[in-house]
Amino acid sequence: MAPNAQTRWDDLRDYAERLFLSKDAVGGAIGVVADGETSSAGFGVTNAEHPLDVTTDTLFQIGSITKTITATVMMRLVEQGKL
């Protein structure tokens, strides 16, 4: 990763961790794909009752948010004339 990109990732990761903690979230994860490179980080624990560290391999249930993601992707493809 280029030095400037590494600094930007470090800043984003630090911001996300502060945000998670300020919102009383027990844990979460972020990931970014840019210029063919993937960066990811986990914060906190999986749940309060049975805490396990959140890592980059932690799986989360995402519920019905996939509908929103699918609709957004489809609209972007329509805007680009690809669909």
PDB file of N, CA and C in Angstrom:
ATOM      1  N   MET A   1       0.857  -1.177   0.000  1.00  0.00           N
ATOM      2  CA  MET A   1       0.000   0.000   0.000  1.00  0.00           C
ATOM      3  C   MET A   1       0.901   1.236   0.000  1.00  0.00           C
ATOM      4  N   ALA A   2       0.564   2.201  -0.847  1.00  0.00           N
ATOM      5  CA  ALA A   2       1.341   3.439  -0.929  1.00  0.00           C
ATOM      6  C   ALA A   2       1.281   4.176   0.409  1.00  0.00           C
ATOM      7  N   PRO A   3       2.347   4.904   0.755  1.00  0.00           N
ATOM      8  CA  PRO A   3       2.381   5.602   2.048  1.00  0.00           C
ATOM      9  C   PRO A   3       1.170   6.497   2.299  1.00  0.00           C
ATOM     10  N   ASN A   4       0.755   7.284   1.298  1.00  0.00           N
ATOM     11  CA  ASN A   4      -0.402   8.158   1.477  1.00  0.00           C
ATOM     12  C   ASN A   4      -1.676   7.337   1.706  1.00  0.00           C
ATOM     13  N   ALA A   5      -1.834   6.251   0.946  1.00  0.00           N
ATOM     14  CA  ALA A   5      -2.997   5.385   1.113  1.00  0.00           C
ATOM     15  C   ALA A   5      -2.978   4.737   2.491  1.00  0.00           C
ATOM     16  N   GLN A   6      -1.812   4.342   2.972  1.00  0.00           N
ATOM     17  CA  GLN A   6      -1.704   3.732   4.303  1.00  0.00           C
ATOM     18  C   GLN A   6      -2.111   4.730   5.381  1.00  0.00           C
ATOM     19  N   THR A   7      -1.689   5.970   5.238  1.00  0.00           N
ATOM     20  CA  THR A   7      -2.060   7.006   6.204  1.00  0.00           C
ATOM     21  C   THR A   7      -3.561   7.232   6.196  1.00  0.00           C
ATOM     22  N   ARG A   8      -4.146   7.292   5.009  1.00  0.00           N
ATOM     23  CA  ARG A   8      -5.600   7.483   4.908  1.00  0.00           C
ATOM     24  C   ARG A   8      -6.337   6.305   5.528  1.00  0.00           C
ATOM     25  N   TRP A   9      -5.866   5.070   5.285  1.00  0.00           N
ATOM     26  CA  TRP A   9      -6.494   3.898   5.888  1.00  0.00           C
ATOM     27  C   TRP A   9      -6.365   3.959   7.412  1.00  0.00           C
ATOM     28  N   ASP A  10      -5.187   4.278   7.912  1.00  0.00           N
ATOM     29  CA  ASP A  10      -4.986   4.375   9.362  1.00  0.00           C
ATOM     30  C   ASP A  10      -5.938   5.402   9.976  1.00  0.00           C
ATOM     31  N   ASP A  11      -6.089   6.549   9.310  1.00  0.00           N
ATOM     32  CA  ASP A  11      -7.009   7.585   9.801  1.00  0.00           C
ATOM     33  C   ASP A  11      -8.451   7.080   9.803  1.00  0.00           C
ATOM     34  N   LEU A  12      -8.859   6.401   8.731  1.00  0.00           N
ATOM     35  CA  LEU A  12     -10.219   5.872   8.645  1.00  0.00           C
ATOM     36  C   LEU A  12     -10.458   4.809   9.711  1.00  0.00           C
ATOM     37  N   ARG A  13      -9.502   3.922   9.888  1.00  0.00           N
ATOM     38  CA  ARG A  13      -9.628   2.864  10.892  1.00  0.00           C
ATOM     39  C   ARG A  13      -9.744   3.456  12.301  1.00  0.00           C
ATOM     40  N   ASP A  14      -8.916   4.441  12.604  1.00  0.00           N
ATOM     41  CA  ASP A  14      -8.972   5.099  13.919  1.00  0.00           C
ATOM     42  C   ASP A  14     -10.303   5.807  14.122  1.00  0.00           C
ATOM     43  N   TYR A  15     -10.788   6.494  13.084  1.00  0.00           N
ATOM     44  CA  TYR A  15     -12.078   7.186  13.168  1.00  0.00           C
ATOM     45  C   TYR A  15     -13.206   6.184  13.403  1.00  0.00           C
ATOM     46  N   ALA A  16     -13.200   5.085  12.654  1.00  0.00           N
ATOM     47  CA  ALA A  16     -14.251   4.078  12.792  1.00  0.00           C
ATOM     48  C   ALA A  16     -14.246   3.476  14.192  1.00  0.00           C
ATOM     49  N   GLU A  17     -13.082   3.201  14.724  1.00  0.00           N
ATOM     50  CA  GLU A  17     -13.010   2.634  16.074  1.00  0.00           C
ATOM     51  C   GLU A  17     -13.569   3.609  17.107  1.00  0.00           C
ATOM     52  N   ARG A  18     -13.212   4.881  16.995  1.00  0.00           N
ATOM     53  CA  ARG A  18     -13.763   5.896  17.915  1.00  0.00           C
ATOM     54  C   ARG A  18     -15.280   5.993  17.764  1.00  0.00           C
ATOM     55  N   LEU A  19     -15.768   5.938  16.527  1.00  0.00           N
ATOM     56  CA  LEU A  19     -17.206   6.019  16.275  1.00  0.00           C
ATOM     57  C   LEU A  19     -17.937   4.829  16.891  1.00  0.00           C
ATOM     58  N   PHE A  20     -17.429   3.625  16.678  1.00  0.00           N
ATOM     59  CA  PHE A  20     -18.045   2.449  17.274  1.00  0.00           C
ATOM     60  C   PHE A  20     -18.128   2.594  18.785  1.00  0.00           C
ATOM     61  N   LEU A  21     -17.040   3.004  19.410  1.00  0.00           N
ATOM     62  CA  LEU A  21     -17.013   3.120  20.867  1.00  0.00           C
ATOM     63  C   LEU A  21     -17.930   4.225  21.363  1.00  0.00           C
ATOM     64  N   SER A  22     -18.040   5.322  20.635  1.00  0.00           N
ATOM     65  CA  SER A  22     -18.875   6.442  21.075  1.00  0.00           C
ATOM     66  C   SER A  22     -20.363   6.133  20.963  1.00  0.00           C
ATOM     67  N   LYS A  23     -20.732   5.164  20.157  1.00  0.00           N
ATOM     68  CA  LYS A  23     -22.138   4.806  19.950  1.00  0.00           C
ATOM     69  C   LYS A  23     -22.553   3.615  20.802  1.00  0.00           C
ATOM     70  N   ASP A  24     -21.735   3.236  21.760  1.00  0.00           N
ATOM     71  CA  ASP A  24     -22.018   2.097  22.640  1.00  0.00           C
ATOM     72  C   ASP A  24     -22.206   0.791  21.887  1.00  0.00           C
ATOM     73  N   ALA A  25     -21.589   0.671  20.726  1.00  0.00           N
ATOM     74  CA  ALA A  25     -21.624  -0.591  19.989  1.00  0.00           C
ATOM     75  C   ALA A  25     -20.646  -1.550  20.655  1.00  0.00           C
ATOM     76  N   VAL A  26     -21.007  -2.805  20.732  1.00  0.00           N
ATOM     77  CA  VAL A  26     -20.085  -3.760  21.335  1.00  0.00           C
ATOM     78  C   VAL A  26     -18.972  -4.143  20.366  1.00  0.00           C
ATOM     79  N   GLY A  27     -19.235  -4.008  19.070  1.00  0.00           N
ATOM     80  CA  GLY A  27     -18.206  -4.337  18.103  1.00  0.00           C
ATOM     81  C   GLY A  27     -18.677  -4.115  16.684  1.00  0.00           C
ATOM     82  N   GLY A  28     -17.742  -4.164  15.778  1.00  0.00           N
ATOM     83  CA  GLY A  28     -18.061  -3.978  14.369  1.00  0.00           C
ATOM     84  C   GLY A  28     -16.808  -4.163  13.532  1.00  0.00           C
ATOM     85  N   ALA A  29     -16.969  -3.996  12.232  1.00  0.00           N
ATOM     86  CA  ALA A  29     -15.844  -4.166  11.318  1.00  0.00           C
ATOM     87  C   ALA A  29     -16.015  -3.232  10.131  1.00  0.00           C
ATOM     88  N   ILE A  30     -14.906  -2.880   9.519  1.00  0.00           N
ATOM     89  CA  ILE A  30     -14.935  -2.082   8.301  1.00  0.00           C
ATOM     90  C   ILE A  30     -14.003  -2.724   7.279  1.00  0.00           C
ATOM     91  N   GLY A  31     -14.273  -2.428   6.020  1.00  0.00           N
ATOM     92  CA  GLY A  31     -13.414  -2.902   4.956  1.00  0.00           C
ATOM     93  C   GLY A  31     -13.459  -1.939   3.786  1.00  0.00           C
ATOM     94  N   VAL A  32     -12.340  -1.808   3.109  1.00  0.00           N
ATOM     95  CA  VAL A  32     -12.230  -0.918   1.960  1.00  0.00           C
ATOM     96  C   VAL A  32     -11.458  -1.638   0.860  1.00  0.00           C
ATOM     97  N   VAL A  33     -11.965  -1.538  -0.363  1.00  0.00           N
ATOM     98  CA  VAL A  33     -11.239  -2.034  -1.524  1.00  0.00           C
ATOM     99  C   VAL A  33     -10.936  -0.823  -2.393  1.00  0.00           C
ATOM    100  N   ALA A  34      -9.672  -0.568  -2.640  1.00  0.00           N
ATOM    101  CA  ALA A  34      -9.260   0.570  -3.460  1.00  0.00           C
ATOM    102  C   ALA A  34      -8.019   0.191  -4.253  1.00  0.00           C
ATOM    103  N   ASP A  35      -8.051   0.502  -5.526  1.00  0.00           N
ATOM    104  CA  ASP A  35      -6.913   0.231  -6.410  1.00  0.00           C
ATOM    105  C   ASP A  35      -6.456  -1.223  -6.333  1.00  0.00           C
ATOM    106  N   GLY A  36      -7.422  -2.132  -6.209  1.00  0.00           N
ATOM    107  CA  GLY A  36      -7.099  -3.547  -6.190  1.00  0.00           C
ATOM    108  C   GLY A  36      -6.572  -4.074  -4.869  1.00  0.00           C
ATOM    109  N   GLU A  37      -6.501  -3.230  -3.867  1.00  0.00           N
ATOM    110  CA  GLU A  37      -6.020  -3.659  -2.555  1.00  0.00           C
ATOM    111  C   GLU A  37      -7.164  -3.639  -1.551  1.00  0.00           C
ATOM    112  N   THR A  38      -7.160  -4.608  -0.644  1.00  0.00           N
ATOM    113  CA  THR A  38      -8.191  -4.708   0.377  1.00  0.00           C
ATOM    114  C   THR A  38      -7.593  -4.437   1.745  1.00  0.00           C
ATOM    115  N   SER A  39      -8.282  -3.604   2.524  1.00  0.00           N
ATOM    116  CA  SER A  39      -7.888  -3.340   3.906  1.00  0.00           C
ATOM    117  C   SER A  39      -9.112  -3.566   4.774  1.00  0.00           C
ATOM    118  N   SER A  40      -8.934  -4.199   5.935  1.00  0.00           N
ATOM    119  CA  SER A  40     -10.064  -4.438   6.827  1.00  0.00           C
ATOM    120  C   SER A  40      -9.582  -4.436   8.273  1.00  0.00           C
ATOM    121  N   ALA A  41     -10.539  -4.176   9.170  1.00  0.00           N
ATOM    122  CA  ALA A  41     -10.218  -4.140  10.601  1.00  0.00           C
ATOM    123  C   ALA A  41     -11.472  -4.464  11.395  1.00  0.00           C
ATOM    124  N   GLY A  42     -11.289  -5.091  12.549  1.00  0.00           N
ATOM    125  CA  GLY A  42     -12.389  -5.380  13.461  1.00  0.00           C
ATOM    126  C   GLY A  42     -12.179  -4.649  14.770  1.00  0.00           C
ATOM    127  N   PHE A  43     -13.290  -4.330  15.439  1.00  0.00           N
ATOM    128  CA  PHE A  43     -13.236  -3.586  16.694  1.00  0.00           C
ATOM    129  C   PHE A  43     -14.161  -4.230  17.716  1.00  0.00           C
ATOM    130  N   GLY A  44     -13.760  -4.240  18.965  1.00  0.00           N
ATOM    131  CA  GLY A  44     -14.631  -4.681  20.039  1.00  0.00           C
ATOM    132  C   GLY A  44     -14.869  -6.178  20.054  1.00  0.00           C
ATOM    133  N   VAL A  45     -16.077  -6.551  20.529  1.00  0.00           N
ATOM    134  CA  VAL A  45     -16.429  -7.958  20.674  1.00  0.00           C
ATOM    135  C   VAL A  45     -17.721  -8.268  19.921  1.00  0.00           C
ATOM    136  N   THR A  46     -17.974  -9.560  19.722  1.00  0.00           N
ATOM    137  CA  THR A  46     -19.128  -9.991  18.932  1.00  0.00           C
ATOM    138  C   THR A  46     -20.451  -9.742  19.629  1.00  0.00           C
ATOM    139  N   ASN A  47     -20.519  -9.968  20.927  1.00  0.00           N
ATOM    140  CA  ASN A  47     -21.722  -9.640  21.700  1.00  0.00           C
ATOM    141  C   ASN A  47     -21.367  -9.570  23.177  1.00  0.00           C
ATOM    142  N   ALA A  48     -22.210  -8.911  23.946  1.00  0.00           N
ATOM    143  CA  ALA A  48     -21.899  -8.655  25.352  1.00  0.00           C
ATOM    144  C   ALA A  48     -21.992  -9.919  26.207  1.00  0.00           C
ATOM    145  N   GLU A  49     -22.911 -10.829  25.884  1.00  0.00           N
ATOM    146  CA  GLU A  49     -23.105 -12.020  26.706  1.00  0.00           C
ATOM    147  C   GLU A  49     -21.984 -13.047  26.544  1.00  0.00           C
ATOM    148  N   HIS A  50     -21.532 -13.236  25.321  1.00  0.00           N
ATOM    149  CA  HIS A  50     -20.470 -14.202  25.026  1.00  0.00           C
ATOM    150  C   HIS A  50     -19.415 -13.509  24.169  1.00  0.00           C
ATOM    151  N   PRO A  51     -18.630 -12.632  24.775  1.00  0.00           N
ATOM    152  CA  PRO A  51     -17.718 -11.804  23.991  1.00  0.00           C
ATOM    153  C   PRO A  51     -16.552 -12.570  23.366  1.00  0.00           C
ATOM    154  N   LEU A  52     -16.450 -12.433  22.070  1.00  0.00           N
ATOM    155  CA  LEU A  52     -15.291 -12.893  21.306  1.00  0.00           C
ATOM    156  C   LEU A  52     -14.794 -11.688  20.526  1.00  0.00           C
ATOM    157  N   ASP A  53     -13.489 -11.551  20.408  1.00  0.00           N
ATOM    158  CA  ASP A  53     -12.946 -10.421  19.661  1.00  0.00           C
ATOM    159  C   ASP A  53     -13.448 -10.410  18.223  1.00  0.00           C
ATOM    160  N   VAL A  54     -13.816  -9.233  17.739  1.00  0.00           N
ATOM    161  CA  VAL A  54     -14.165  -9.080  16.323  1.00  0.00           C
ATOM    162  C   VAL A  54     -12.855  -9.011  15.542  1.00  0.00           C
ATOM    163  N   THR A  55     -12.736  -9.880  14.551  1.00  0.00           N
ATOM    164  CA  THR A  55     -11.553  -9.886  13.693  1.00  0.00           C
ATOM    165  C   THR A  55     -11.995  -9.656  12.251  1.00  0.00           C
ATOM    166  N   THR A  56     -11.058  -9.652  11.360  1.00  0.00           N
ATOM    167  CA  THR A  56     -11.396  -9.489   9.945  1.00  0.00           C
ATOM    168  C   THR A  56     -12.086 -10.727   9.383  1.00  0.00           C
ATOM    169  N   ASP A  57     -12.096 -11.829  10.131  1.00  0.00           N
ATOM    170  CA  ASP A  57     -12.773 -13.052   9.706  1.00  0.00           C
ATOM    171  C   ASP A  57     -14.131 -13.249  10.370  1.00  0.00           C
ATOM    172  N   THR A  58     -14.551 -12.334  11.250  1.00  0.00           N
ATOM    173  CA  THR A  58     -15.824 -12.460  11.946  1.00  0.00           C
ATOM    174  C   THR A  58     -16.979 -12.308  10.962  1.00  0.00           C
ATOM    175  N   LEU A  59     -17.962 -13.197  11.065  1.00  0.00           N
ATOM    176  CA  LEU A  59     -19.161 -13.121  10.239  1.00  0.00           C
ATOM    177  C   LEU A  59     -20.277 -12.464  11.042  1.00  0.00           C
ATOM    178  N   PHE A  60     -21.009 -11.547  10.420  1.00  0.00           N
ATOM    179  CA  PHE A  60     -22.128 -10.856  11.052  1.00  0.00           C
ATOM    180  C   PHE A  60     -23.408 -11.191  10.308  1.00  0.00           C
ATOM    181  N   GLN A  61     -24.522 -11.259  11.033  1.00  0.00           N
ATOM    182  CA  GLN A  61     -25.818 -11.380  10.391  1.00  0.00           C
ATOM    183  C   GLN A  61     -26.203  -9.996   9.888  1.00  0.00           C
ATOM    184  N   ILE A  62     -26.594  -9.897   8.629  1.00  0.00           N
ATOM    185  CA  ILE A  62     -26.893  -8.571   8.089  1.00  0.00           C
ATOM    186  C   ILE A  62     -28.377  -8.331   7.868  1.00  0.00           C
ATOM    187  N   GLY A  63     -29.201  -9.316   8.217  1.00  0.00           N
ATOM    188  CA  GLY A  63     -30.640  -9.116   8.136  1.00  0.00           C
ATOM    189  C   GLY A  63     -31.102  -8.739   6.742  1.00  0.00           C
ATOM    190  N   SER A  64     -32.039  -7.812   6.663  1.00  0.00           N
ATOM    191  CA  SER A  64     -32.641  -7.468   5.375  1.00  0.00           C
ATOM    192  C   SER A  64     -31.964  -6.287   4.690  1.00  0.00           C
ATOM    193  N   ILE A  65     -30.779  -5.906   5.120  1.00  0.00           N
ATOM    194  CA  ILE A  65     -30.079  -4.784   4.475  1.00  0.00           C
ATOM    195  C   ILE A  65     -29.662  -5.129   3.044  1.00  0.00           C
ATOM    196  N   THR A  66     -29.631  -6.428   2.722  1.00  0.00           N
ATOM    197  CA  THR A  66     -29.242  -6.803   1.358  1.00  0.00           C
ATOM    198  C   THR A  66     -30.188  -6.226   0.310  1.00  0.00           C
ATOM    199  N   LYS A  67     -31.455  -6.003   0.677  1.00  0.00           N
ATOM    200  CA  LYS A  67     -32.405  -5.398  -0.271  1.00  0.00           C
ATOM    201  C   LYS A  67     -31.959  -3.985  -0.643  1.00  0.00           C
ATOM    202  N   THR A  68     -31.533  -3.224   0.345  1.00  0.00           N
ATOM    203  CA  THR A  68     -31.061  -1.860   0.103  1.00  0.00           C
ATOM    204  C   THR A  68     -29.796  -1.869  -0.752  1.00  0.00           C
ATOM    205  N   ILE A  69     -28.885  -2.756  -0.441  1.00  0.00           N
ATOM    206  CA  ILE A  69     -27.633  -2.841  -1.204  1.00  0.00           C
ATOM    207  C   ILE A  69     -27.930  -3.232  -2.648  1.00  0.00           C
ATOM    208  N   THR A  70     -28.767  -4.232  -2.834  1.00  0.00           N
ATOM    209  CA  THR A  70     -29.120  -4.683  -4.188  1.00  0.00           C
ATOM    210  C   THR A  70     -29.777  -3.566  -4.987  1.00  0.00           C
ATOM    211  N   ALA A  71     -30.713  -2.855  -4.374  1.00  0.00           N
ATOM    212  CA  ALA A  71     -31.400  -1.756  -5.072  1.00  0.00           C
ATOM    213  C   ALA A  71     -30.418  -0.650  -5.439  1.00  0.00           C
ATOM    214  N   THR A  72     -29.499  -0.337  -4.547  1.00  0.00           N
ATOM    215  CA  THR A  72     -28.505   0.708  -4.824  1.00  0.00           C
ATOM    216  C   THR A  72     -27.603   0.311  -5.984  1.00  0.00           C
ATOM    217  N   VAL A  73     -27.142  -0.925  -5.988  1.00  0.00           N
ATOM    218  CA  VAL A  73     -26.293  -1.414  -7.084  1.00  0.00           C
ATOM    219  C   VAL A  73     -27.054  -1.363  -8.404  1.00  0.00           C
ATOM    220  N   MET A  74     -28.307  -1.798  -8.395  1.00  0.00           N
ATOM    221  CA  MET A  74     -29.100  -1.773  -9.623  1.00  0.00           C
ATOM    222  C   MET A  74     -29.288  -0.355 -10.138  1.00  0.00           C
ATOM    223  N   MET A  75     -29.566   0.598  -9.261  1.00  0.00           N
ATOM    224  CA  MET A  75     -29.759   1.990  -9.686  1.00  0.00           C
ATOM    225  C   MET A  75     -28.461   2.564 -10.261  1.00  0.00           C
ATOM    226  N   ARG A  76     -27.343   2.226  -9.671  1.00  0.00           N
ATOM    227  CA  ARG A  76     -26.066   2.711 -10.210  1.00  0.00           C
ATOM    228  C   ARG A  76     -25.807   2.128 -11.592  1.00  0.00           C
ATOM    229  N   LEU A  77     -26.144   0.875 -11.788  1.00  0.00           N
ATOM    230  CA  LEU A  77     -25.992   0.261 -13.113  1.00  0.00           C
ATOM    231  C   LEU A  77     -26.921   0.910 -14.126  1.00  0.00           C
ATOM    232  N   VAL A  78     -28.153   1.245 -13.719  1.00  0.00           N
ATOM    233  CA  VAL A  78     -29.093   1.950 -14.602  1.00  0.00           C
ATOM    234  C   VAL A  78     -28.508   3.315 -14.971  1.00  0.00           C
ATOM    235  N   GLU A  79     -27.998   4.031 -13.990  1.00  0.00           N
ATOM    236  CA  GLU A  79     -27.423   5.367 -14.258  1.00  0.00           C
ATOM    237  C   GLU A  79     -26.250   5.292 -15.221  1.00  0.00           C
ATOM    238  N   GLN A  80     -25.494   4.191 -15.167  1.00  0.00           N
ATOM    239  CA  GLN A  80     -24.350   4.026 -16.048  1.00  0.00           C
ATOM    240  C   GLN A  80     -24.741   3.440 -17.396  1.00  0.00           C
ATOM    241  N   GLY A  81     -26.014   3.154 -17.581  1.00  0.00           N
ATOM    242  CA  GLY A  81     -26.495   2.596 -18.838  1.00  0.00           C
ATOM    243  C   GLY A  81     -26.122   1.137 -19.042  1.00  0.00           C
ATOM    244  N   LYS A  82     -25.787   0.436 -17.971  1.00  0.00           N
ATOM    245  CA  LYS A  82     -25.387  -0.961 -18.071  1.00  0.00           C
ATOM    246  C   LYS A  82     -26.531  -1.922 -17.783  1.00  0.00           C
ATOM    247  N   LEU A  83     -27.662  -1.359 -17.380  1.00  0.00           N
ATOM    248  CA  LEU A  83     -28.817  -2.205 -17.081  1.00  0.00           C
ATOM    249  C   LEU A  83     -30.070  -1.557 -17.593  1.00  0.00           C
TER     250      LEU A  83
END
